[in-house]
Structure formats: C-alpha cells, structure tokens
C-alpha cells in the first residue's frame, strides 16, 4: 500500500512539473542579429534592447501573411510609442518586390531580407525548424522568446499577445 501511495505521489509530482507553463520555465534568449532593412535602415537587436517585439517571418505571396499585415500596421501605430515593434523577415523574396509590397501596404516597421544565417538562428526554437509562414517569435523587453506562433493572427489575437508580453516585461523588470 505504501508503495502504491509513493508511486502515485511520484506520478502526480511529475505531472505537475511537466504542466508548469512555459512562462514559469526559463525563457530562451532571442538570437542577436544585425541587418539592413529593405528601405536601407540598420536593424539590429541592439536597437531592440529593452523593447517588446515580434519577429514575423512572412512572404508577400503568402495569403495568411498578407491578411495579417494591415492588423500589424495598425498595432505598430498603436503600440510603437509604448516600447513595442514588429520586425518583418521576408523569406523567398526579391528585395525590389518587397520594397514595392512595403509601400503598397504602408508597412511601418522594419523589414529585412531573410538570410540562411538569420533563418537558422530562429530554427532552433521550433521543433523541426521553421516549416511554414507566417511564423512569429514574441520577445519580451528582457530579450527572451516567450512565445512562438505558427499561422496568421487577427488584430485581437496579436493585441492580446502584445499586451501579455508587455505586461510580463513590466513584471520582470527590476525595480529602481
């Protein structure tokens, strides 16, 4: 009987440990990168230090990617002054095509061209690597990846994610 209780307690404790939310476990640091945006501006993680941001892998020919762009532009307008930004990473694209796409869609956040090194640096955060687009990586103001999102999101879904990441960043920030 004692053996059965001990075994049951061990199983329950193991299940509780495995069910701890990802936010309770150590979040991995986002990879450092430095690139020139397709509009010619330097974009790197040093500029993003202390900000909450979402790295969004996308392509202009991808229907779910195109569908979420207007919402991302609106959210960039709403939250950029509060320490948030999107960073777009265009995959399988021609730079001139992306410049035209940025203009046509009034994209107001940095967009860089994907390189094999940049894609590889994010591949390790997704089991099996990046397999589809859009894929987004939510990074808090401490530079930690707090969430990986596969597939398109709506305005409301992105806003909830942004506010949650900003709130976690505020809670995690050291007091002065």
Protein backbone atom coordinates (compact mmCIF):
# COMPACT_ATOMS: atom_id res chain seq x y z
CA UNK A 1 0.00 0.00 0.00
CA UNK A 2 2.87 2.37 0.88
CA UNK A 3 4.50 1.52 -2.44
CA UNK A 4 1.29 2.39 -4.29
CA UNK A 5 0.99 5.75 -2.46
CA UNK A 6 4.64 6.53 -3.13
CA UNK A 7 4.24 5.66 -6.81
CA UNK A 8 1.06 7.75 -7.06
CA UNK A 9 2.75 10.72 -5.37
CA UNK A 10 5.71 10.45 -7.73
CA UNK A 11 3.44 10.40 -10.78
CA UNK A 12 1.38 13.36 -9.53
CA UNK A 13 4.53 15.41 -8.80
CA UNK A 14 5.95 14.56 -12.21
CA UNK A 15 2.75 15.60 -13.95
CA UNK A 16 2.66 18.86 -12.01
CA UNK A 17 6.24 19.62 -13.02
CA UNK A 18 5.53 18.85 -16.67
CA UNK A 19 2.42 21.03 -16.64
CA UNK A 20 4.25 24.16 -15.45
CA UNK A 21 3.54 26.85 -18.04
CA UNK A 22 6.37 27.91 -20.33
CA UNK A 23 6.47 31.34 -18.66
CA UNK A 24 7.45 29.65 -15.41
CA UNK A 25 10.36 27.89 -17.09
CA UNK A 26 13.47 29.75 -18.21
CA UNK A 27 12.75 31.52 -21.49
CA UNK A 28 15.50 31.31 -24.12
CA UNK A 29 17.28 34.46 -25.24
CA UNK A 30 16.33 35.68 -28.70
CA UNK A 31 19.14 35.40 -31.23
CA UNK A 32 21.20 38.50 -31.90
CA UNK A 33 21.13 39.79 -35.47
CA UNK A 34 22.19 42.79 -37.46
CA UNK A 35 20.79 43.54 -40.90
CA UNK A 36 19.92 46.37 -43.22
CA UNK A 37 16.20 46.75 -43.82
CA UNK A 38 14.95 46.77 -47.39
CA UNK A 39 14.45 50.53 -47.00
CA UNK A 40 18.15 50.93 -46.17
CA UNK A 41 17.99 51.39 -42.39
CA UNK A 42 20.15 49.40 -39.99
CA UNK A 43 18.09 47.00 -37.89
CA UNK A 44 19.64 45.01 -35.08
CA UNK A 45 18.95 43.59 -31.68
CA UNK A 46 20.97 46.38 -30.03
CA UNK A 47 18.28 48.84 -31.20
CA UNK A 48 15.61 46.49 -29.87
CA UNK A 49 17.16 46.17 -26.40
CA UNK A 50 14.58 46.96 -23.73
CA UNK A 51 11.67 46.73 -26.19
CA UNK A 52 9.00 44.10 -26.58
CA UNK A 53 8.93 42.95 -30.20
CA UNK A 54 7.58 40.32 -32.54
CA UNK A 55 9.79 38.88 -35.27
CA UNK A 56 7.45 37.86 -38.09
CA UNK A 57 8.67 35.57 -40.89
CA UNK A 58 6.47 36.21 -43.93
CA UNK A 59 6.27 36.45 -47.73
CA UNK A 60 4.29 38.75 -50.00
CA UNK A 61 2.88 35.78 -51.93
CA UNK A 62 1.54 34.08 -48.76
CA UNK A 63 -2.24 34.67 -48.28
CA UNK A 64 -2.26 34.37 -44.45
CA UNK A 65 0.79 36.67 -44.30
CA UNK A 66 -0.92 39.28 -46.48
CA UNK A 67 -4.09 39.01 -44.39
CA UNK A 68 -2.35 39.86 -41.10
CA UNK A 69 -0.23 42.78 -42.43
CA UNK A 70 -2.94 45.51 -42.07
CA UNK A 71 -3.52 44.47 -38.45
CA UNK A 72 0.22 44.50 -37.75
CA UNK A 73 0.50 48.00 -39.26
CA UNK A 74 -2.39 49.23 -37.08
CA UNK A 75 -0.88 47.66 -33.96
CA UNK A 76 2.52 49.14 -34.78
CA UNK A 77 0.83 52.57 -34.90
CA UNK A 78 -0.91 51.93 -31.59
CA UNK A 79 1.98 50.47 -29.55
CA UNK A 80 5.24 51.79 -31.04
CA UNK A 81 5.34 54.71 -28.58
CA UNK A 82 4.90 52.24 -25.71
CA UNK A 83 8.11 50.33 -26.49
CA UNK A 84 6.81 47.75 -28.97
CA UNK A 85 7.66 46.97 -32.58
CA UNK A 86 7.25 44.30 -35.20
CA UNK A 87 10.27 43.20 -37.24
CA UNK A 88 9.40 41.55 -40.54
CA UNK A 89 11.70 38.97 -42.10
CA UNK A 90 10.86 38.38 -45.76
CA UNK A 91 11.55 34.83 -46.93
CA UNK A 92 11.93 33.57 -50.51
CA UNK A 93 11.57 37.08 -51.88
CA UNK A 94 13.25 39.56 -54.18
CA UNK A 95 14.25 42.80 -52.40
CA UNK A 96 12.65 45.01 -55.07
CA UNK A 97 9.38 43.08 -54.80
CA UNK A 98 9.39 43.51 -51.01
CA UNK A 99 10.09 47.27 -51.28
CA UNK A 100 7.03 47.57 -53.53
CA UNK A 101 4.99 45.41 -51.12
CA UNK A 102 6.03 47.62 -48.16
CA UNK A 103 4.95 50.77 -49.98
CA UNK A 104 1.67 49.28 -51.21
CA UNK A 105 0.76 48.03 -47.71
CA UNK A 106 2.04 51.06 -45.75
CA UNK A 107 4.27 48.82 -43.64
CA UNK A 108 5.62 51.00 -40.84
CA UNK A 109 8.04 48.63 -39.11
CA UNK A 110 11.46 47.34 -40.18
CA UNK A 111 11.55 44.55 -42.76
CA UNK A 112 14.76 42.69 -43.55
CA UNK A 113 15.50 40.01 -46.09
CA UNK A 114 15.92 36.50 -44.71
CA UNK A 115 19.39 35.04 -44.95
CA UNK A 116 20.27 31.40 -44.26
CA UNK A 117 22.05 32.51 -41.07
CA UNK A 118 19.08 34.52 -39.84
CA UNK A 119 16.63 31.68 -40.52
CA UNK A 120 18.97 29.16 -38.86
CA UNK A 121 19.26 31.34 -35.76
CA UNK A 122 15.47 31.08 -35.25
CA UNK A 123 15.11 27.46 -36.44
CA UNK A 124 16.32 26.11 -33.11
CA UNK A 125 13.25 27.49 -31.33
CA UNK A 126 10.80 25.48 -33.40
CA UNK A 127 10.78 21.69 -33.29
CA UNK A 128 11.85 20.60 -36.75
CA UNK A 129 12.72 24.20 -37.71
CA UNK A 130 10.59 26.78 -39.48
CA UNK A 131 8.17 24.84 -41.66
CA UNK A 132 5.68 27.46 -42.68
CA UNK A 133 4.82 31.11 -42.77
CA UNK A 134 3.75 33.24 -41.16
CA UNK A 135 5.70 32.28 -38.06
CA UNK A 136 6.18 34.84 -35.30
CA UNK A 137 8.51 34.97 -32.31
CA UNK A 138 7.39 37.08 -29.35
CA UNK A 139 10.32 38.66 -27.49
CA UNK A 140 9.93 40.46 -24.16
CA UNK A 141 11.89 43.53 -23.07
CA UNK A 142 14.46 41.26 -21.42
CA UNK A 143 15.26 39.78 -24.84
CA UNK A 144 13.65 36.41 -24.13
CA UNK A 145 11.46 34.49 -26.57
CA UNK A 146 8.22 33.99 -24.67
CA UNK A 147 6.10 32.52 -27.45
CA UNK A 148 6.36 31.07 -30.96
CA UNK A 149 3.27 31.45 -33.13
CA UNK A 150 2.63 29.47 -36.31
CA UNK A 151 0.00 30.75 -38.69
CA UNK A 152 -1.74 34.06 -39.19
CA UNK A 153 -3.30 36.07 -36.38
CA UNK A 154 -6.05 38.68 -36.19
CA UNK A 155 -5.80 42.17 -34.71
CA UNK A 156 -7.41 41.00 -31.47
CA UNK A 157 -5.14 37.96 -31.18
CA UNK A 158 -1.97 39.98 -31.84
CA UNK A 159 -3.09 42.70 -29.43
CA UNK A 160 -3.65 40.17 -26.66
CA UNK A 161 -0.19 38.69 -27.33
CA UNK A 162 1.46 42.14 -27.35
CA UNK A 163 -0.23 43.25 -24.13
CA UNK A 164 0.64 39.97 -22.43
CA UNK A 165 4.29 40.24 -23.46
CA UNK A 166 4.46 43.88 -22.36
CA UNK A 167 2.84 43.02 -19.02
CA UNK A 168 5.31 40.17 -18.41
CA UNK A 169 8.14 42.53 -19.32
CA UNK A 170 6.88 45.08 -16.79
CA UNK A 171 6.55 42.46 -14.06
CA UNK A 172 10.01 41.04 -14.82
CA UNK A 173 11.71 44.45 -14.95
CA UNK A 174 13.94 45.20 -11.96
CA UNK A 175 12.77 47.98 -9.66
CA UNK A 176 14.95 51.08 -9.46
